[in-house]
């Protein structure tokens, strides 16, 4: 093992990143397929992107395509700057009737969602 890659000591931190639900399912499925943690997979994707390299080979792209179908992920790169959550600035407005209905939901009920 004289040519084994040198191990790199890093400090990892816990983070509260929010991510689209179906996208997360695909990422978790891909991580599981590759026997990686989700964090390890994300680190690899980001490091490849920072270097301008593609993070996935042909086999991984086939697995991703299957997982996208399984989890109904119809988003692509063109969606990245158009996604929003209900109530965010720039989100389409709800009709006045729906706004009144939303006000009836107690804060405690919203937290349980």
N, C-alpha and C. Protein backbone atom coordinates (compact mmCIF):
# COMPACT_ATOMS: atom_id res chain seq x y z
N UNK A 1 0.82 -1.19 0.00
CA UNK A 1 0.00 0.00 0.00
C UNK A 1 0.87 1.25 0.00
N UNK A 2 2.01 1.20 -0.63
CA UNK A 2 2.91 2.34 -0.68
C UNK A 2 2.31 3.49 -1.48
N UNK A 3 1.40 3.20 -2.41
CA UNK A 3 0.79 4.23 -3.25
C UNK A 3 -0.61 4.63 -2.78
N UNK A 4 -0.97 4.25 -1.57
CA UNK A 4 -2.31 4.60 -1.06
C UNK A 4 -2.42 6.11 -0.89
N UNK A 5 -3.60 6.67 -1.21
CA UNK A 5 -3.77 8.11 -1.05
C UNK A 5 -3.61 8.52 0.41
N UNK A 6 -3.03 9.69 0.60
CA UNK A 6 -2.81 10.22 1.94
C UNK A 6 -4.16 10.64 2.54
N UNK A 7 -4.42 10.22 3.76
CA UNK A 7 -5.64 10.60 4.46
C UNK A 7 -5.56 12.08 4.84
N UNK A 8 -6.70 12.76 4.81
CA UNK A 8 -6.74 14.19 5.11
C UNK A 8 -7.64 14.40 6.32
N UNK A 9 -7.09 14.99 7.35
CA UNK A 9 -7.85 15.29 8.56
C UNK A 9 -8.73 16.52 8.31
N UNK A 10 -10.02 16.41 8.56
CA UNK A 10 -10.95 17.53 8.39
C UNK A 10 -11.79 17.69 9.65
N UNK A 11 -12.44 18.83 9.78
CA UNK A 11 -13.39 19.06 10.88
C UNK A 11 -14.77 19.21 10.25
N UNK A 12 -15.66 18.30 10.56
CA UNK A 12 -17.02 18.36 10.03
C UNK A 12 -17.93 19.00 11.06
N UNK A 13 -18.95 19.70 10.56
CA UNK A 13 -19.92 20.36 11.43
C UNK A 13 -21.32 19.92 11.04
N UNK A 14 -22.21 19.92 12.01
CA UNK A 14 -23.62 19.61 11.76
C UNK A 14 -24.28 20.88 11.22
N UNK A 15 -25.11 20.73 10.21
CA UNK A 15 -25.76 21.90 9.62
C UNK A 15 -27.24 21.61 9.42
N UNK A 16 -28.01 22.65 9.36
CA UNK A 16 -29.46 22.52 9.17
C UNK A 16 -29.88 22.95 7.78
N UNK A 17 -29.33 22.35 6.76
CA UNK A 17 -29.62 22.72 5.38
C UNK A 17 -31.03 22.25 5.01
N UNK A 18 -31.78 23.15 4.36
CA UNK A 18 -33.11 22.79 3.85
C UNK A 18 -32.95 22.44 2.37
N UNK A 19 -33.65 21.39 1.93
CA UNK A 19 -33.50 20.92 0.55
C UNK A 19 -34.83 20.35 0.08
N UNK A 20 -35.09 20.44 -1.20
CA UNK A 20 -36.33 19.95 -1.77
C UNK A 20 -36.47 18.45 -1.47
N UNK A 21 -37.67 18.06 -1.05
CA UNK A 21 -37.92 16.71 -0.54
C UNK A 21 -37.55 15.60 -1.53
N UNK A 22 -37.99 15.69 -2.77
CA UNK A 22 -37.71 14.62 -3.74
C UNK A 22 -36.23 14.56 -4.10
N UNK A 23 -35.60 15.73 -4.15
CA UNK A 23 -34.16 15.78 -4.42
C UNK A 23 -33.39 15.08 -3.31
N UNK A 24 -33.80 15.31 -2.08
CA UNK A 24 -33.16 14.64 -0.95
C UNK A 24 -33.32 13.12 -1.03
N UNK A 25 -34.50 12.66 -1.43
CA UNK A 25 -34.72 11.22 -1.56
C UNK A 25 -33.78 10.61 -2.59
N UNK A 26 -33.62 11.30 -3.71
CA UNK A 26 -32.70 10.81 -4.76
C UNK A 26 -31.27 10.78 -4.23
N UNK A 27 -30.87 11.85 -3.55
CA UNK A 27 -29.50 11.89 -3.01
C UNK A 27 -29.27 10.79 -1.98
N UNK A 28 -30.24 10.56 -1.10
CA UNK A 28 -30.10 9.49 -0.10
C UNK A 28 -30.02 8.13 -0.78
N UNK A 29 -30.85 7.93 -1.81
CA UNK A 29 -30.81 6.67 -2.55
C UNK A 29 -29.48 6.46 -3.23
N UNK A 30 -28.93 7.51 -3.81
CA UNK A 30 -27.62 7.41 -4.47
C UNK A 30 -26.51 7.15 -3.46
N UNK A 31 -26.58 7.83 -2.32
CA UNK A 31 -25.58 7.60 -1.27
C UNK A 31 -25.64 6.14 -0.81
N UNK A 32 -26.85 5.64 -0.60
CA UNK A 32 -27.01 4.25 -0.16
C UNK A 32 -26.48 3.29 -1.22
N UNK A 33 -26.78 3.55 -2.49
CA UNK A 33 -26.30 2.70 -3.57
C UNK A 33 -24.77 2.63 -3.58
N UNK A 34 -24.13 3.74 -3.27
CA UNK A 34 -22.66 3.81 -3.27
C UNK A 34 -22.05 3.53 -1.91
N UNK A 35 -22.87 3.12 -0.96
CA UNK A 35 -22.42 2.81 0.41
C UNK A 35 -21.66 3.99 1.02
N UNK A 36 -22.27 5.18 0.87
CA UNK A 36 -21.72 6.42 1.43
C UNK A 36 -22.74 7.05 2.36
N UNK A 37 -22.28 7.93 3.21
CA UNK A 37 -23.22 8.75 3.96
C UNK A 37 -23.67 9.87 3.03
N UNK A 38 -24.79 10.48 3.36
CA UNK A 38 -25.27 11.60 2.57
C UNK A 38 -24.23 12.73 2.58
N UNK A 39 -23.64 12.98 3.73
CA UNK A 39 -22.62 14.02 3.84
C UNK A 39 -21.43 13.75 2.95
N UNK A 40 -20.95 12.50 2.92
CA UNK A 40 -19.82 12.14 2.06
C UNK A 40 -20.17 12.36 0.58
N UNK A 41 -21.39 11.97 0.20
CA UNK A 41 -21.82 12.16 -1.19
C UNK A 41 -21.84 13.65 -1.54
N UNK A 42 -22.43 14.46 -0.68
CA UNK A 42 -22.52 15.90 -0.95
C UNK A 42 -21.14 16.54 -1.01
N UNK A 43 -20.24 16.14 -0.10
CA UNK A 43 -18.88 16.67 -0.15
C UNK A 43 -18.22 16.36 -1.49
N UNK A 44 -18.39 15.13 -1.96
CA UNK A 44 -17.80 14.73 -3.24
C UNK A 44 -18.37 15.52 -4.40
N UNK A 45 -19.69 15.71 -4.41
CA UNK A 45 -20.34 16.47 -5.49
C UNK A 45 -19.82 17.90 -5.51
N UNK A 46 -19.78 18.52 -4.35
CA UNK A 46 -19.34 19.92 -4.27
C UNK A 46 -17.87 20.07 -4.66
N UNK A 47 -17.01 19.19 -4.15
CA UNK A 47 -15.58 19.29 -4.49
C UNK A 47 -15.36 19.11 -5.99
N UNK A 48 -16.10 18.18 -6.62
CA UNK A 48 -15.99 18.02 -8.07
C UNK A 48 -16.47 19.28 -8.78
N UNK A 49 -17.61 19.83 -8.34
CA UNK A 49 -18.15 21.04 -8.97
C UNK A 49 -17.18 22.21 -8.84
N UNK A 50 -16.57 22.35 -7.66
CA UNK A 50 -15.61 23.44 -7.45
C UNK A 50 -14.42 23.34 -8.42
N UNK A 51 -14.07 22.12 -8.79
CA UNK A 51 -12.96 21.91 -9.73
C UNK A 51 -13.42 21.88 -11.18
N UNK A 52 -14.73 22.11 -11.41
CA UNK A 52 -15.26 22.09 -12.77
C UNK A 52 -15.32 20.71 -13.38
N UNK A 53 -15.40 19.69 -12.53
CA UNK A 53 -15.43 18.30 -13.00
C UNK A 53 -16.82 17.70 -12.78
N UNK A 54 -17.18 16.74 -13.60
CA UNK A 54 -18.45 16.04 -13.42
C UNK A 54 -18.32 15.06 -12.25
N UNK A 55 -19.27 15.06 -11.33
CA UNK A 55 -19.15 14.19 -10.16
C UNK A 55 -19.58 12.74 -10.40
N UNK A 56 -20.29 12.49 -11.52
CA UNK A 56 -20.86 11.15 -11.72
C UNK A 56 -20.44 10.55 -13.04
N UNK A 57 -20.18 9.24 -12.98
CA UNK A 57 -19.90 8.48 -14.19
C UNK A 57 -21.19 7.96 -14.79
N UNK A 58 -21.05 7.17 -15.84
CA UNK A 58 -22.19 6.65 -16.57
C UNK A 58 -23.10 5.79 -15.70
N UNK A 59 -22.52 4.90 -14.90
CA UNK A 59 -23.34 4.02 -14.06
C UNK A 59 -24.13 4.82 -13.03
N UNK A 60 -23.48 5.79 -12.40
CA UNK A 60 -24.19 6.62 -11.41
C UNK A 60 -25.31 7.41 -12.06
N UNK A 61 -25.10 7.91 -13.27
CA UNK A 61 -26.16 8.66 -13.96
C UNK A 61 -27.34 7.76 -14.27
N UNK A 62 -27.09 6.48 -14.58
CA UNK A 62 -28.21 5.54 -14.80
C UNK A 62 -28.98 5.33 -13.50
N UNK A 63 -28.27 5.18 -12.40
CA UNK A 63 -28.92 5.00 -11.09
C UNK A 63 -29.73 6.26 -10.74
N UNK A 64 -29.15 7.42 -10.99
CA UNK A 64 -29.85 8.68 -10.72
C UNK A 64 -31.13 8.76 -11.54
N UNK A 65 -31.08 8.38 -12.79
CA UNK A 65 -32.27 8.41 -13.65
C UNK A 65 -33.36 7.51 -13.08
N UNK A 66 -32.99 6.33 -12.62
CA UNK A 66 -33.97 5.42 -12.01
C UNK A 66 -34.55 6.00 -10.73
N UNK A 67 -33.70 6.58 -9.88
CA UNK A 67 -34.16 7.17 -8.63
C UNK A 67 -35.06 8.38 -8.90
N UNK A 68 -34.75 9.18 -9.91
CA UNK A 68 -35.58 10.33 -10.26
C UNK A 68 -36.98 9.87 -10.64
N UNK A 69 -37.06 8.78 -11.41
CA UNK A 69 -38.38 8.23 -11.78
C UNK A 69 -39.10 7.72 -10.54
N UNK A 70 -38.40 6.98 -9.71
CA UNK A 70 -38.98 6.39 -8.50
C UNK A 70 -39.58 7.46 -7.59
N UNK A 71 -38.89 8.59 -7.44
CA UNK A 71 -39.33 9.64 -6.52
C UNK A 71 -39.97 10.82 -7.24
N UNK A 72 -40.34 10.64 -8.51
CA UNK A 72 -41.04 11.67 -9.29
C UNK A 72 -40.31 13.01 -9.27
N UNK A 73 -39.00 12.97 -9.37
CA UNK A 73 -38.21 14.20 -9.40
C UNK A 73 -38.14 14.70 -10.84
N UNK A 74 -38.94 15.71 -11.14
CA UNK A 74 -38.99 16.25 -12.50
C UNK A 74 -38.22 17.56 -12.63
N UNK A 75 -37.47 17.93 -11.61
CA UNK A 75 -36.67 19.16 -11.66
C UNK A 75 -35.35 18.90 -12.36
N UNK A 76 -34.84 19.92 -13.04
CA UNK A 76 -33.51 19.85 -13.63
C UNK A 76 -32.76 21.12 -13.27
N UNK A 77 -31.58 21.30 -13.84
CA UNK A 77 -30.75 22.46 -13.48
C UNK A 77 -31.45 23.78 -13.75
N UNK A 78 -32.33 23.83 -14.74
CA UNK A 78 -33.01 25.08 -15.05
C UNK A 78 -33.97 25.50 -13.93
N UNK A 79 -34.31 24.61 -13.03
CA UNK A 79 -35.22 24.93 -11.92
C UNK A 79 -34.49 25.55 -10.74
N UNK A 80 -33.17 25.51 -10.74
CA UNK A 80 -32.41 25.86 -9.54
C UNK A 80 -32.65 27.27 -9.03
N UNK A 81 -32.95 28.22 -9.89
CA UNK A 81 -33.17 29.60 -9.44
C UNK A 81 -34.64 30.00 -9.49
N UNK A 82 -35.53 29.01 -9.67
CA UNK A 82 -36.96 29.29 -9.74
C UNK A 82 -37.76 28.62 -8.63
N UNK A 83 -37.10 27.89 -7.75
CA UNK A 83 -37.82 27.16 -6.70
C UNK A 83 -38.12 28.10 -5.53
N UNK A 84 -39.26 27.90 -4.91
CA UNK A 84 -39.65 28.68 -3.75
C UNK A 84 -40.56 27.83 -2.88
N UNK A 85 -40.71 28.26 -1.65
CA UNK A 85 -41.65 27.61 -0.74
C UNK A 85 -42.83 28.54 -0.53
N UNK A 86 -43.95 27.96 -0.20
CA UNK A 86 -45.15 28.76 0.04
C UNK A 86 -44.86 29.83 1.09
N UNK A 87 -45.25 31.05 0.81
CA UNK A 87 -45.06 32.14 1.74
C UNK A 87 -43.77 32.91 1.55
N UNK A 88 -42.86 32.43 0.71
CA UNK A 88 -41.60 33.13 0.46
C UNK A 88 -41.84 34.32 -0.46
N UNK A 89 -40.95 35.30 -0.38
CA UNK A 89 -41.00 36.42 -1.31
C UNK A 89 -40.86 35.89 -2.72
N UNK A 90 -41.67 36.39 -3.62
CA UNK A 90 -41.62 35.93 -5.01
C UNK A 90 -42.51 34.73 -5.27
N UNK A 91 -43.10 34.16 -4.22
CA UNK A 91 -44.00 33.02 -4.40
C UNK A 91 -45.32 33.51 -4.99
N UNK A 92 -45.94 32.71 -5.83
CA UNK A 92 -47.25 33.09 -6.36
C UNK A 92 -48.23 33.30 -5.20
N UNK A 93 -49.05 34.31 -5.32
CA UNK A 93 -50.02 34.61 -4.26
C UNK A 93 -51.17 33.62 -4.31
N UNK A 94 -51.68 33.30 -3.11
CA UNK A 94 -52.87 32.46 -3.02
C UNK A 94 -54.11 33.34 -3.14
N UNK A 95 -55.21 32.73 -3.48
CA UNK A 95 -56.46 33.49 -3.56
C UNK A 95 -56.84 33.96 -2.16
N UNK A 96 -57.64 35.05 -2.05
CA UNK A 96 -58.06 35.53 -0.72
C UNK A 96 -58.74 34.46 0.11
N UNK A 97 -59.53 33.60 -0.51
CA UNK A 97 -60.20 32.53 0.23
C UNK A 97 -59.19 31.60 0.88
N UNK A 98 -58.17 31.20 0.15
CA UNK A 98 -57.14 30.30 0.71
C UNK A 98 -56.38 30.98 1.83
N UNK A 99 -56.15 32.31 1.72
CA UNK A 99 -55.45 33.02 2.79
C UNK A 99 -56.27 32.98 4.06
N UNK A 100 -57.59 33.18 3.94
CA UNK A 100 -58.45 33.12 5.13
C UNK A 100 -58.42 31.74 5.75
N UNK A 101 -58.46 30.70 4.91
CA UNK A 101 -58.41 29.33 5.43
C UNK A 101 -57.09 29.06 6.14
N UNK A 102 -56.01 29.57 5.61
CA UNK A 102 -54.70 29.35 6.22
C UNK A 102 -54.61 30.00 7.59
N UNK A 103 -55.29 31.12 7.78
CA UNK A 103 -55.24 31.81 9.07
C UNK A 103 -55.91 31.00 10.16
N UNK A 104 -56.80 30.10 9.81
CA UNK A 104 -57.50 29.30 10.81
C UNK A 104 -56.62 28.22 11.43
N UNK A 105 -55.51 27.91 10.81
CA UNK A 105 -54.60 26.88 11.32
C UNK A 105 -53.80 27.48 12.48
N UNK A 106 -53.84 26.83 13.62
CA UNK A 106 -53.14 27.34 14.78
C UNK A 106 -51.62 27.18 14.60
N UNK A 107 -50.83 28.03 15.27
CA UNK A 107 -49.37 27.89 15.17
C UNK A 107 -48.90 26.50 15.60
N UNK A 108 -49.54 25.93 16.62
CA UNK A 108 -49.14 24.59 17.07
C UNK A 108 -49.37 23.56 15.97
N UNK A 109 -50.48 23.70 15.25
CA UNK A 109 -50.78 22.76 14.16
C UNK A 109 -49.76 22.90 13.04
N UNK A 110 -49.33 24.15 12.76
CA UNK A 110 -48.32 24.36 11.72
C UNK A 110 -47.01 23.70 12.10
N UNK A 111 -46.63 23.75 13.36
CA UNK A 111 -45.37 23.16 13.81
C UNK A 111 -45.38 21.64 13.68
N UNK A 112 -46.54 21.03 13.80
CA UNK A 112 -46.64 19.56 13.70
C UNK A 112 -46.47 19.08 12.28
N UNK A 113 -46.64 19.96 11.28
CA UNK A 113 -46.55 19.54 9.87
C UNK A 113 -45.17 19.11 9.50
